[in-house]
Amino acid sequence: MIMKLSNYARIFKALSSEQRLKIFLTISQQCQESKSGDGFTVSGDKPCCTGDGSVEKAFTKVCDCMDLSRSTISHHFKELQSAGLITCEREGQNFRCRVNQGVIDEIKAFLK
């Protein structure tokens, strides 16, 4: 076991919120092209992730995908970052976020 159990508990607690789980999935999965061809969607939600659909997503694009205030989404991002699940870098007025693959690998090993 590489991480302490308290770290795993913090990770699973962060993912126990449906909204945070949805944000994490939005960041971690490539968006699927929408049927209308006007961008990308995640699980039939609002069009989002216009562009290349890469694993990195800008904070503002996640905001466009979710029916939540920017401050609520910001709070969820901070919780995901605090748990080590994502990393975010500021690019001008946007945040570029990506999944912390090292933590995901440790979780997979823990669950085996």
PDB file of N, CA and C in Angstrom:
ATOM      1  N   MET A   1       0.849  -1.169   0.000  1.00  0.00           N
ATOM      2  CA  MET A   1       0.000   0.000   0.000  1.00  0.00           C
ATOM      3  C   MET A   1       0.899   1.238   0.000  1.00  0.00           C
ATOM      4  N   ILE A   2       0.796   2.043  -1.046  1.00  0.00           N
ATOM      5  CA  ILE A   2       1.659   3.211  -1.191  1.00  0.00           C
ATOM      6  C   ILE A   2       1.099   4.406  -0.420  1.00  0.00           C
ATOM      7  N   MET A   3      -0.194   4.669  -0.577  1.00  0.00           N
ATOM      8  CA  MET A   3      -0.818   5.797   0.116  1.00  0.00           C
ATOM      9  C   MET A   3      -1.363   5.343   1.464  1.00  0.00           C
ATOM     10  N   LYS A   4      -1.538   6.296   2.359  1.00  0.00           N
ATOM     11  CA  LYS A   4      -2.188   6.016   3.631  1.00  0.00           C
ATOM     12  C   LYS A   4      -3.679   5.820   3.399  1.00  0.00           C
ATOM     13  N   LEU A   5      -4.312   5.062   4.271  1.00  0.00           N
ATOM     14  CA  LEU A   5      -5.758   4.842   4.144  1.00  0.00           C
ATOM     15  C   LEU A   5      -6.526   6.156   4.200  1.00  0.00           C
ATOM     16  N   SER A   6      -6.036   7.120   4.963  1.00  0.00           N
ATOM     17  CA  SER A   6      -6.720   8.417   5.048  1.00  0.00           C
ATOM     18  C   SER A   6      -6.735   9.126   3.690  1.00  0.00           C
ATOM     19  N   ASN A   7      -5.698   8.931   2.894  1.00  0.00           N
ATOM     20  CA  ASN A   7      -5.676   9.524   1.552  1.00  0.00           C
ATOM     21  C   ASN A   7      -6.721   8.878   0.653  1.00  0.00           C
ATOM     22  N   TYR A   8      -6.850   7.553   0.741  1.00  0.00           N
ATOM     23  CA  TYR A   8      -7.883   6.867  -0.039  1.00  0.00           C
ATOM     24  C   TYR A   8      -9.271   7.335   0.391  1.00  0.00           C
ATOM     25  N   ALA A   9      -9.460   7.496   1.697  1.00  0.00           N
ATOM     26  CA  ALA A   9     -10.752   7.962   2.203  1.00  0.00           C
ATOM     27  C   ALA A   9     -11.084   9.345   1.654  1.00  0.00           C
ATOM     28  N   ARG A  10     -10.080  10.228   1.593  1.00  0.00           N
ATOM     29  CA  ARG A  10     -10.301  11.578   1.058  1.00  0.00           C
ATOM     30  C   ARG A  10     -10.674  11.525  -0.424  1.00  0.00           C
ATOM     31  N   ILE A  11     -10.031  10.630  -1.176  1.00  0.00           N
ATOM     32  CA  ILE A  11     -10.330  10.475  -2.605  1.00  0.00           C
ATOM     33  C   ILE A  11     -11.757   9.982  -2.806  1.00  0.00           C
ATOM     34  N   PHE A  12     -12.119   8.932  -2.063  1.00  0.00           N
ATOM     35  CA  PHE A  12     -13.466   8.378  -2.228  1.00  0.00           C
ATOM     36  C   PHE A  12     -14.532   9.345  -1.720  1.00  0.00           C
ATOM     37  N   LYS A  13     -14.200  10.129  -0.704  1.00  0.00           N
ATOM     38  CA  LYS A  13     -15.140  11.142  -0.222  1.00  0.00           C
ATOM     39  C   LYS A  13     -15.364  12.207  -1.297  1.00  0.00           C
ATOM     40  N   ALA A  14     -14.289  12.605  -1.963  1.00  0.00           N
ATOM     41  CA  ALA A  14     -14.420  13.600  -3.040  1.00  0.00           C
ATOM     42  C   ALA A  14     -15.302  13.075  -4.159  1.00  0.00           C
ATOM     43  N   LEU A  15     -15.201  11.790  -4.448  1.00  0.00           N
ATOM     44  CA  LEU A  15     -15.993  11.210  -5.533  1.00  0.00           C
ATOM     45  C   LEU A  15     -17.396  10.793  -5.084  1.00  0.00           C
ATOM     46  N   SER A  16     -17.693  10.928  -3.793  1.00  0.00           N
ATOM     47  CA  SER A  16     -19.014  10.514  -3.311  1.00  0.00           C
ATOM     48  C   SER A  16     -20.106  11.524  -3.654  1.00  0.00           C
ATOM     49  N   SER A  17     -19.728  12.716  -4.045  1.00  0.00           N
ATOM     50  CA  SER A  17     -20.690  13.726  -4.492  1.00  0.00           C
ATOM     51  C   SER A  17     -20.999  13.479  -5.967  1.00  0.00           C
ATOM     52  N   GLU A  18     -22.280  13.381  -6.281  1.00  0.00           N
ATOM     53  CA  GLU A  18     -22.672  13.126  -7.671  1.00  0.00           C
ATOM     54  C   GLU A  18     -22.173  14.230  -8.601  1.00  0.00           C
ATOM     55  N   GLN A  19     -22.226  15.468  -8.143  1.00  0.00           N
ATOM     56  CA  GLN A  19     -21.776  16.584  -8.971  1.00  0.00           C
ATOM     57  C   GLN A  19     -20.274  16.516  -9.212  1.00  0.00           C
ATOM     58  N   ARG A  20     -19.498  16.218  -8.154  1.00  0.00           N
ATOM     59  CA  ARG A  20     -18.049  16.101  -8.337  1.00  0.00           C
ATOM     60  C   ARG A  20     -17.700  14.913  -9.210  1.00  0.00           C
ATOM     61  N   LEU A  21     -18.433  13.827  -9.056  1.00  0.00           N
ATOM     62  CA  LEU A  21     -18.184  12.663  -9.897  1.00  0.00           C
ATOM     63  C   LEU A  21     -18.445  13.002 -11.360  1.00  0.00           C
ATOM     64  N   LYS A  22     -19.491  13.749 -11.606  1.00  0.00           N
ATOM     65  CA  LYS A  22     -19.807  14.154 -12.976  1.00  0.00           C
ATOM     66  C   LYS A  22     -18.719  15.070 -13.544  1.00  0.00           C
ATOM     67  N   ILE A  23     -18.231  15.996 -12.729  1.00  0.00           N
ATOM     68  CA  ILE A  23     -17.148  16.876 -13.171  1.00  0.00           C
ATOM     69  C   ILE A  23     -15.895  16.063 -13.451  1.00  0.00           C
ATOM     70  N   PHE A  24     -15.579  15.139 -12.552  1.00  0.00           N
ATOM     71  CA  PHE A  24     -14.397  14.291 -12.750  1.00  0.00           C
ATOM     72  C   PHE A  24     -14.525  13.486 -14.041  1.00  0.00           C
ATOM     73  N   LEU A  25     -15.692  12.919 -14.294  1.00  0.00           N
ATOM     74  CA  LEU A  25     -15.896  12.147 -15.524  1.00  0.00           C
ATOM     75  C   LEU A  25     -15.813  13.037 -16.760  1.00  0.00           C
ATOM     76  N   THR A  26     -16.318  14.264 -16.642  1.00  0.00           N
ATOM     77  CA  THR A  26     -16.232  15.199 -17.759  1.00  0.00           C
ATOM     78  C   THR A  26     -14.778  15.485 -18.100  1.00  0.00           C
ATOM     79  N   ILE A  27     -13.961  15.625 -17.062  1.00  0.00           N
ATOM     80  CA  ILE A  27     -12.540  15.887 -17.283  1.00  0.00           C
ATOM     81  C   ILE A  27     -11.837  14.645 -17.811  1.00  0.00           C
ATOM     82  N   SER A  28     -12.176  13.474 -17.262  1.00  0.00           N
ATOM     83  CA  SER A  28     -11.402  12.276 -17.557  1.00  0.00           C
ATOM     84  C   SER A  28     -11.795  11.546 -18.836  1.00  0.00           C
ATOM     85  N   GLN A  29     -12.994  11.704 -19.292  1.00  0.00           N
ATOM     86  CA  GLN A  29     -13.422  10.996 -20.492  1.00  0.00           C
ATOM     87  C   GLN A  29     -13.432  11.930 -21.689  1.00  0.00           C
ATOM     88  N   GLN A  30     -13.077  11.390 -22.807  1.00  0.00           N
ATOM     89  CA  GLN A  30     -13.199  12.198 -24.021  1.00  0.00           C
ATOM     90  C   GLN A  30     -14.679  12.374 -24.296  1.00  0.00           C
ATOM     91  N   CYS A  31     -15.024  13.582 -24.663  1.00  0.00           N
ATOM     92  CA  CYS A  31     -16.422  13.853 -24.974  1.00  0.00           C
ATOM     93  C   CYS A  31     -16.817  13.129 -26.257  1.00  0.00           C
ATOM     94  N   GLN A  32     -18.071  12.732 -26.297  1.00  0.00           N
ATOM     95  CA  GLN A  32     -18.593  12.074 -27.494  1.00  0.00           C
ATOM     96  C   GLN A  32     -19.219  13.132 -28.389  1.00  0.00           C
ATOM     97  N   GLU A  33     -18.999  12.966 -29.660  1.00  0.00           N
ATOM     98  CA  GLU A  33     -19.539  13.946 -30.595  1.00  0.00           C
ATOM     99  C   GLU A  33     -21.060  13.902 -30.544  1.00  0.00           C
ATOM    100  N   SER A  34     -21.674  15.067 -30.460  1.00  0.00           N
ATOM    101  CA  SER A  34     -23.132  15.117 -30.382  1.00  0.00           C
ATOM    102  C   SER A  34     -23.753  14.752 -31.725  1.00  0.00           C
ATOM    103  N   LYS A  35     -24.970  14.276 -31.664  1.00  0.00           N
ATOM    104  CA  LYS A  35     -25.688  13.871 -32.877  1.00  0.00           C
ATOM    105  C   LYS A  35     -25.954  15.063 -33.788  1.00  0.00           C
ATOM    106  N   SER A  36     -26.130  16.240 -33.196  1.00  0.00           N
ATOM    107  CA  SER A  36     -26.441  17.412 -33.998  1.00  0.00           C
ATOM    108  C   SER A  36     -25.216  17.974 -34.706  1.00  0.00           C
ATOM    109  N   GLY A  37     -24.036  17.516 -34.304  1.00  0.00           N
ATOM    110  CA  GLY A  37     -22.815  17.965 -34.957  1.00  0.00           C
ATOM    111  C   GLY A  37     -22.359  19.352 -34.545  1.00  0.00           C
ATOM    112  N   ASP A  38     -22.966  19.910 -33.462  1.00  0.00           N
ATOM    113  CA  ASP A  38     -22.603  21.266 -33.065  1.00  0.00           C
ATOM    114  C   ASP A  38     -21.633  21.297 -31.890  1.00  0.00           C
ATOM    115  N   GLY A  39     -20.840  20.274 -31.723  1.00  0.00           N
ATOM    116  CA  GLY A  39     -19.878  20.232 -30.637  1.00  0.00           C
ATOM    117  C   GLY A  39     -19.810  18.834 -30.060  1.00  0.00           C
ATOM    118  N   PHE A  40     -19.596  18.753 -28.786  1.00  0.00           N
ATOM    119  CA  PHE A  40     -19.486  17.475 -28.107  1.00  0.00           C
ATOM    120  C   PHE A  40     -20.401  17.488 -26.896  1.00  0.00           C
ATOM    121  N   THR A  41     -20.870  16.326 -26.486  1.00  0.00           N
ATOM    122  CA  THR A  41     -21.677  16.217 -25.286  1.00  0.00           C
ATOM    123  C   THR A  41     -21.144  15.092 -24.415  1.00  0.00           C
ATOM    124  N   VAL A  42     -21.489  15.146 -23.160  1.00  0.00           N
ATOM    125  CA  VAL A  42     -21.174  14.064 -22.238  1.00  0.00           C
ATOM    126  C   VAL A  42     -22.502  13.511 -21.749  1.00  0.00           C
ATOM    127  N   SER A  43     -22.785  12.274 -22.043  1.00  0.00           N
ATOM    128  CA  SER A  43     -23.993  11.592 -21.580  1.00  0.00           C
ATOM    129  C   SER A  43     -25.259  12.386 -21.869  1.00  0.00           C
ATOM    130  N   GLY A  44     -25.378  12.978 -23.035  1.00  0.00           N
ATOM    131  CA  GLY A  44     -26.584  13.676 -23.438  1.00  0.00           C
ATOM    132  C   GLY A  44     -26.803  15.013 -22.772  1.00  0.00           C
ATOM    133  N   ASP A  45     -25.826  15.544 -22.060  1.00  0.00           N
ATOM    134  CA  ASP A  45     -25.972  16.833 -21.405  1.00  0.00           C
ATOM    135  C   ASP A  45     -25.819  17.955 -22.424  1.00  0.00           C
ATOM    136  N   LYS A  46     -25.725  19.159 -21.908  1.00  0.00           N
ATOM    137  CA  LYS A  46     -25.563  20.327 -22.766  1.00  0.00           C
ATOM    138  C   LYS A  46     -24.341  20.151 -23.664  1.00  0.00           C
ATOM    139  N   PRO A  47     -24.347  20.755 -24.865  1.00  0.00           N
ATOM    140  CA  PRO A  47     -23.147  20.698 -25.695  1.00  0.00           C
ATOM    141  C   PRO A  47     -21.957  21.278 -24.940  1.00  0.00           C
ATOM    142  N   CYS A  48     -20.828  20.611 -25.051  1.00  0.00           N
ATOM    143  CA  CYS A  48     -19.640  21.081 -24.346  1.00  0.00           C
ATOM    144  C   CYS A  48     -18.403  20.583 -25.064  1.00  0.00           C
ATOM    145  N   CYS A  49     -17.286  21.006 -24.564  1.00  0.00           N
ATOM    146  CA  CYS A  49     -16.002  20.474 -25.024  1.00  0.00           C
ATOM    147  C   CYS A  49     -15.793  20.653 -26.513  1.00  0.00           C
ATOM    148  N   THR A  50     -16.196  21.798 -27.052  1.00  0.00           N
ATOM    149  CA  THR A  50     -15.926  22.034 -28.454  1.00  0.00           C
ATOM    150  C   THR A  50     -14.425  22.064 -28.649  1.00  0.00           C
ATOM    151  N   GLY A  51     -13.979  21.573 -29.729  1.00  0.00           N
ATOM    152  CA  GLY A  51     -12.549  21.479 -29.978  1.00  0.00           C
ATOM    153  C   GLY A  51     -12.168  20.037 -30.207  1.00  0.00           C
ATOM    154  N   ASP A  52     -10.995  19.663 -29.745  1.00  0.00           N
ATOM    155  CA  ASP A  52     -10.488  18.339 -30.053  1.00  0.00           C
ATOM    156  C   ASP A  52     -10.994  17.237 -29.131  1.00  0.00           C
ATOM    157  N   GLY A  53     -11.735  17.571 -28.075  1.00  0.00           N
ATOM    158  CA  GLY A  53     -12.255  16.557 -27.176  1.00  0.00           C
ATOM    159  C   GLY A  53     -11.175  15.860 -26.367  1.00  0.00           C
ATOM    160  N   SER A  54     -10.036  16.504 -26.168  1.00  0.00           N
ATOM    161  CA  SER A  54      -8.934  15.877 -25.447  1.00  0.00           C
ATOM    162  C   SER A  54      -9.262  15.741 -23.971  1.00  0.00           C
ATOM    163  N   VAL A  55      -8.435  14.993 -23.259  1.00  0.00           N
ATOM    164  CA  VAL A  55      -8.654  14.759 -21.843  1.00  0.00           C
ATOM    165  C   VAL A  55      -8.572  16.060 -21.054  1.00  0.00           C
ATOM    166  N   GLU A  56      -7.754  17.008 -21.473  1.00  0.00           N
ATOM    167  CA  GLU A  56      -7.681  18.302 -20.796  1.00  0.00           C
ATOM    168  C   GLU A  56      -8.926  19.109 -21.127  1.00  0.00           C
ATOM    169  N   LYS A  57      -9.541  19.703 -20.097  1.00  0.00           N
ATOM    170  CA  LYS A  57     -10.715  20.550 -20.298  1.00  0.00           C
ATOM    171  C   LYS A  57     -10.494  21.873 -19.584  1.00  0.00           C
ATOM    172  N   ALA A  58     -10.949  22.936 -20.204  1.00  0.00           N
ATOM    173  CA  ALA A  58     -10.890  24.240 -19.544  1.00  0.00           C
ATOM    174  C   ALA A  58     -12.029  24.324 -18.549  1.00  0.00           C
ATOM    175  N   PHE A  59     -11.783  25.008 -17.440  1.00  0.00           N
ATOM    176  CA  PHE A  59     -12.794  25.196 -16.405  1.00  0.00           C
ATOM    177  C   PHE A  59     -14.078  25.763 -16.998  1.00  0.00           C
ATOM    178  N   THR A  60     -13.954  26.735 -17.879  1.00  0.00           N
ATOM    179  CA  THR A  60     -15.135  27.372 -18.447  1.00  0.00           C
ATOM    180  C   THR A  60     -15.955  26.397 -19.286  1.00  0.00           C
ATOM    181  N   LYS A  61     -15.307  25.445 -19.923  1.00  0.00           N
ATOM    182  CA  LYS A  61     -16.051  24.465 -20.710  1.00  0.00           C
ATOM    183  C   LYS A  61     -16.834  23.523 -19.813  1.00  0.00           C
ATOM    184  N   VAL A  62     -16.259  23.158 -18.677  1.00  0.00           N
ATOM    185  CA  VAL A  62     -16.996  22.331 -17.722  1.00  0.00           C
ATOM    186  C   VAL A  62     -18.193  23.113 -17.205  1.00  0.00           C
ATOM    187  N   CYS A  63     -18.017  24.415 -16.979  1.00  0.00           N
ATOM    188  CA  CYS A  63     -19.129  25.258 -16.536  1.00  0.00           C
ATOM    189  C   CYS A  63     -20.263  25.238 -17.554  1.00  0.00           C
ATOM    190  N   ASP A  64     -19.915  25.234 -18.834  1.00  0.00           N
ATOM    191  CA  ASP A  64     -20.927  25.205 -19.881  1.00  0.00           C
ATOM    192  C   ASP A  64     -21.681  23.879 -19.893  1.00  0.00           C
ATOM    193  N   CYS A  65     -21.039  22.825 -19.431  1.00  0.00           N
ATOM    194  CA  CYS A  65     -21.644  21.491 -19.448  1.00  0.00           C
ATOM    195  C   CYS A  65     -22.588  21.259 -18.275  1.00  0.00           C
ATOM    196  N   MET A  66     -22.414  21.983 -17.208  1.00  0.00           N
ATOM    197  CA  MET A  66     -23.137  21.713 -15.975  1.00  0.00           C
ATOM    198  C   MET A  66     -24.089  22.864 -15.651  1.00  0.00           C
ATOM    199  N   ASP A  67     -25.220  22.528 -15.088  1.00  0.00           N
ATOM    200  CA  ASP A  67     -26.206  23.530 -14.694  1.00  0.00           C
ATOM    201  C   ASP A  67     -25.968  23.932 -13.235  1.00  0.00           C
ATOM    202  N   LEU A  68     -24.752  24.440 -12.976  1.00  0.00           N
ATOM    203  CA  LEU A  68     -24.348  24.877 -11.646  1.00  0.00           C
ATOM    204  C   LEU A  68     -23.676  26.235 -11.760  1.00  0.00           C
ATOM    205  N   SER A  69     -23.665  26.969 -10.663  1.00  0.00           N
ATOM    206  CA  SER A  69     -22.971  28.262 -10.685  1.00  0.00           C
ATOM    207  C   SER A  69     -21.465  28.042 -10.771  1.00  0.00           C
ATOM    208  N   ARG A  70     -20.770  29.040 -11.273  1.00  0.00           N
ATOM    209  CA  ARG A  70     -19.309  28.953 -11.387  1.00  0.00           C
ATOM    210  C   ARG A  70     -18.665  28.778 -10.012  1.00  0.00           C
ATOM    211  N   SER A  71     -19.221  29.418  -8.993  1.00  0.00           N
ATOM    212  CA  SER A  71     -18.639  29.289  -7.657  1.00  0.00           C
ATOM    213  C   SER A  71     -18.805  27.873  -7.117  1.00  0.00           C
ATOM    214  N   THR A  72     -19.930  27.236  -7.409  1.00  0.00           N
ATOM    215  CA  THR A  72     -20.146  25.851  -6.974  1.00  0.00           C
ATOM    216  C   THR A  72     -19.190  24.921  -7.705  1.00  0.00           C
ATOM    217  N   ILE A  73     -19.032  25.124  -8.989  1.00  0.00           N
ATOM    218  CA  ILE A  73     -18.106  24.297  -9.764  1.00  0.00           C
ATOM    219  C   ILE A  73     -16.680  24.514  -9.274  1.00  0.00           C
ATOM    220  N   SER A  74     -16.334  25.755  -8.974  1.00  0.00           N
ATOM    221  CA  SER A  74     -15.004  26.055  -8.453  1.00  0.00           C
ATOM    222  C   SER A  74     -14.760  25.306  -7.142  1.00  0.00           C
ATOM    223  N   HIS A  75     -15.756  25.279  -6.279  1.00  0.00           N
ATOM    224  CA  HIS A  75     -15.644  24.541  -5.020  1.00  0.00           C
ATOM    225  C   HIS A  75     -15.393  23.052  -5.294  1.00  0.00           C
ATOM    226  N   HIS A  76     -16.136  22.484  -6.234  1.00  0.00           N
ATOM    227  CA  HIS A  76     -15.963  21.069  -6.563  1.00  0.00           C
ATOM    228  C   HIS A  76     -14.575  20.799  -7.151  1.00  0.00           C
ATOM    229  N   PHE A  77     -14.097  21.711  -7.984  1.00  0.00           N
ATOM    230  CA  PHE A  77     -12.744  21.574  -8.533  1.00  0.00           C
ATOM    231  C   PHE A  77     -11.721  21.557  -7.396  1.00  0.00           C
ATOM    232  N   LYS A  78     -11.884  22.455  -6.422  1.00  0.00           N
ATOM    233  CA  LYS A  78     -10.950  22.517  -5.300  1.00  0.00           C
ATOM    234  C   LYS A  78     -10.967  21.220  -4.499  1.00  0.00           C
ATOM    235  N   GLU A  79     -12.137  20.630  -4.322  1.00  0.00           N
ATOM    236  CA  GLU A  79     -12.239  19.355  -3.606  1.00  0.00           C
ATOM    237  C   GLU A  79     -11.536  18.244  -4.379  1.00  0.00           C
ATOM    238  N   LEU A  80     -11.724  18.213  -5.692  1.00  0.00           N
ATOM    239  CA  LEU A  80     -11.059  17.200  -6.518  1.00  0.00           C
ATOM    240  C   LEU A  80      -9.548  17.402  -6.510  1.00  0.00           C
ATOM    241  N   GLN A  81      -9.109  18.655  -6.540  1.00  0.00           N
ATOM    242  CA  GLN A  81      -7.677  18.950  -6.479  1.00  0.00           C
ATOM    243  C   GLN A  81      -7.106  18.571  -5.118  1.00  0.00           C
ATOM    244  N   SER A  82      -7.820  18.893  -4.063  1.00  0.00           N
ATOM    245  CA  SER A  82      -7.364  18.586  -2.710  1.00  0.00           C
ATOM    246  C   SER A  82      -7.194  17.083  -2.508  1.00  0.00           C
ATOM    247  N   ALA A  83      -8.061  16.311  -3.144  1.00  0.00           N
ATOM    248  CA  ALA A  83      -7.967  14.855  -3.052  1.00  0.00           C
ATOM    249  C   ALA A  83      -6.869  14.303  -3.958  1.00  0.00           C
ATOM    250  N   GLY A  84      -6.312  15.156  -4.818  1.00  0.00           N
ATOM    251  CA  GLY A  84      -5.239  14.730  -5.706  1.00  0.00           C
ATOM    252  C   GLY A  84      -5.726  14.086  -6.989  1.00  0.00           C
ATOM    253  N   LEU A  85      -7.026  14.156  -7.246  1.00  0.00           N
ATOM    254  CA  LEU A  85      -7.587  13.510  -8.431  1.00  0.00           C
ATOM    255  C   LEU A  85      -7.333  14.275  -9.717  1.00  0.00           C
ATOM    256  N   ILE A  86      -7.250  15.600  -9.623  1.00  0.00           N
ATOM    257  CA  ILE A  86      -6.997  16.420 -10.802  1.00  0.00           C
ATOM    258  C   ILE A  86      -5.928  17.454 -10.483  1.00  0.00           C
ATOM    259  N   THR A  87      -5.308  17.952 -11.532  1.00  0.00           N
ATOM    260  CA  THR A  87      -4.408  19.085 -11.431  1.00  0.00           C
ATOM    261  C   THR A  87      -4.925  20.155 -12.373  1.00  0.00           C
ATOM    262  N   CYS A  88      -4.828  21.394 -11.964  1.00  0.00           N
ATOM    263  CA  CYS A  88      -5.313  22.502 -12.790  1.00  0.00           C
ATOM    264  C   CYS A  88      -4.226  23.561 -12.899  1.00  0.00           C
ATOM    265  N   GLU A  89      -4.110  24.118 -14.099  1.00  0.00           N
ATOM    266  CA  GLU A  89      -3.172  25.204 -14.355  1.00  0.00           C
ATOM    267  C   GLU A  89      -3.934  26.352 -14.975  1.00  0.00           C
ATOM    268  N   ARG A  90      -3.601  27.538 -14.541  1.00  0.00           N
ATOM    269  CA  ARG A  90      -4.249  28.726 -15.086  1.00  0.00           C
ATOM    270  C   ARG A  90      -3.635  29.067 -16.431  1.00  0.00           C
ATOM    271  N   GLU A  91      -4.493  29.328 -17.405  1.00  0.00           N
ATOM    272  CA  GLU A  91      -4.072  29.809 -18.727  1.00  0.00           C
ATOM    273  C   GLU A  91      -4.897  31.045 -19.034  1.00  0.00           C
ATOM    274  N   GLY A  92      -4.356  32.188 -18.746  1.00  0.00           N
ATOM    275  CA  GLY A  92      -5.123  33.418 -18.933  1.00  0.00           C
ATOM    276  C   GLY A  92      -6.285  33.441 -17.962  1.00  0.00           C
ATOM    277  N   GLN A  93      -7.503  33.530 -18.496  1.00  0.00           N
ATOM    278  CA  GLN A  93      -8.692  33.540 -17.653  1.00  0.00           C
ATOM    279  C   GLN A  93      -9.269  32.133 -17.478  1.00  0.00           C
ATOM    280  N   ASN A  94      -8.679  31.139 -18.112  1.00  0.00           N
ATOM    281  CA  ASN A  94      -9.183  29.773 -18.047  1.00  0.00           C
ATOM    282  C   ASN A  94      -8.287  28.881 -17.200  1.00  0.00           C
ATOM    283  N   PHE A  95      -8.821  27.755 -16.817  1.00  0.00           N
ATOM    284  CA  PHE A  95      -8.056  26.719 -16.138  1.00  0.00           C
ATOM    285  C   PHE A  95      -8.007  25.495 -17.033  1.00  0.00           C
ATOM    286  N   ARG A  96      -6.823  24.953 -17.244  1.00  0.00           N
ATOM    287  CA  ARG A  96      -6.654  23.702 -17.975  1.00  0.00           C
ATOM    288  C   ARG A  96      -6.493  22.616 -16.931  1.00  0.00           C
ATOM    289  N   CYS A  97      -7.337  21.641 -16.964  1.00  0.00           N
ATOM    290  CA  CYS A  97      -7.323  20.596 -15.941  1.00  0.00           C
ATOM    291  C   CYS A  97      -7.098  19.240 -16.573  1.00  0.00           C
ATOM    292  N   ARG A  98      -6.453  18.379 -15.794  1.00  0.00           N
ATOM    293  CA  ARG A  98      -6.233  17.011 -16.252  1.00  0.00           C
ATOM    294  C   ARG A  98      -6.298  16.084 -15.055  1.00  0.00           C
ATOM    295  N   VAL A  99      -6.589  14.834 -15.340  1.00  0.00           N
ATOM    296  CA  VAL A  99      -6.632  13.810 -14.307  1.00  0.00           C
ATOM    297  C   VAL A  99      -5.212  13.492 -13.873  1.00  0.00           C
ATOM    298  N   ASN A 100      -5.009  13.295 -12.587  1.00  0.00           N
ATOM    299  CA  ASN A 100      -3.721  12.897 -12.049  1.00  0.00           C
ATOM    300  C   ASN A 100      -3.629  11.375 -12.200  1.00  0.00           C
ATOM    301  N   GLN A 101      -3.032  10.925 -13.279  1.00  0.00           N
ATOM    302  CA  GLN A 101      -3.002   9.508 -13.619  1.00  0.00           C
ATOM    303  C   GLN A 101      -2.285   8.672 -12.567  1.00  0.00           C
ATOM    304  N   GLY A 102      -1.299   9.236 -11.900  1.00  0.00           N
ATOM    305  CA  GLY A 102      -0.595   8.510 -10.846  1.00  0.00           C
ATOM    306  C   GLY A 102      -1.530   8.096  -9.719  1.00  0.00           C
ATOM    307  N   VAL A 103      -2.417   9.000  -9.316  1.00  0.00           N
ATOM    308  CA  VAL A 103      -3.382   8.696  -8.261  1.00  0.00           C
ATOM    309  C   VAL A 103      -4.371   7.635  -8.741  1.00  0.00           C
ATOM    310  N   ILE A 104      -4.793   7.747  -9.990  1.00  0.00           N
ATOM    311  CA  ILE A 104      -5.732   6.767 -10.538  1.00  0.00           C
ATOM    312  C   ILE A 104      -5.089   5.379 -10.544  1.00  0.00           C
ATOM    313  N   ASP A 105      -3.829   5.303 -10.913  1.00  0.00           N
ATOM    314  CA  ASP A 105      -3.125   4.023 -10.916  1.00  0.00           C
ATOM    315  C   ASP A 105      -3.031   3.440  -9.507  1.00  0.00           C
ATOM    316  N   GLU A 106      -2.792   4.300  -8.522  1.00  0.00           N
ATOM    317  CA  GLU A 106      -2.729   3.824  -7.140  1.00  0.00           C
ATOM    318  C   GLU A 106      -4.081   3.315  -6.654  1.00  0.00           C
ATOM    319  N   ILE A 107      -5.155   3.994  -7.061  1.00  0.00           N
ATOM    320  CA  ILE A 107      -6.500   3.547  -6.694  1.00  0.00           C
ATOM    321  C   ILE A 107      -6.783   2.180  -7.303  1.00  0.00           C
ATOM    322  N   LYS A 108      -6.414   2.010  -8.571  1.00  0.00           N
ATOM    323  CA  LYS A 108      -6.618   0.713  -9.241  1.00  0.00           C
ATOM    324  C   LYS A 108      -5.878  -0.392  -8.500  1.00  0.00           C
ATOM    325  N   ALA A 109      -4.636  -0.130  -8.120  1.00  0.00           N
ATOM    326  CA  ALA A 109      -3.845  -1.122  -7.399  1.00  0.00           C
ATOM    327  C   ALA A 109      -4.478  -1.416  -6.027  1.00  0.00           C
ATOM    328  N   PHE A 110      -4.986  -0.413  -5.377  1.00  0.00           N
ATOM    329  CA  PHE A 110      -5.626  -0.565  -4.073  1.00  0.00           C
ATOM    330  C   PHE A 110      -6.868  -1.446  -4.162  1.00  0.00           C
ATOM    331  N   LEU A 111      -7.641  -1.274  -5.234  1.00  0.00           N
ATOM    332  CA  LEU A 111      -8.891  -2.012  -5.389  1.00  0.00           C
ATOM    333  C   LEU A 111      -8.704  -3.442  -5.888  1.00  0.00           C
ATOM    334  N   LYS A 112      -7.505  -3.784  -6.315  1.00  0.00           N
ATOM    335  CA  LYS A 112      -7.274  -5.159  -6.802  1.00  0.00           C
ATOM    336  C   LYS A 112      -7.175  -6.136  -5.676  1.00  0.00           C
TER     337      LYS A 112
END
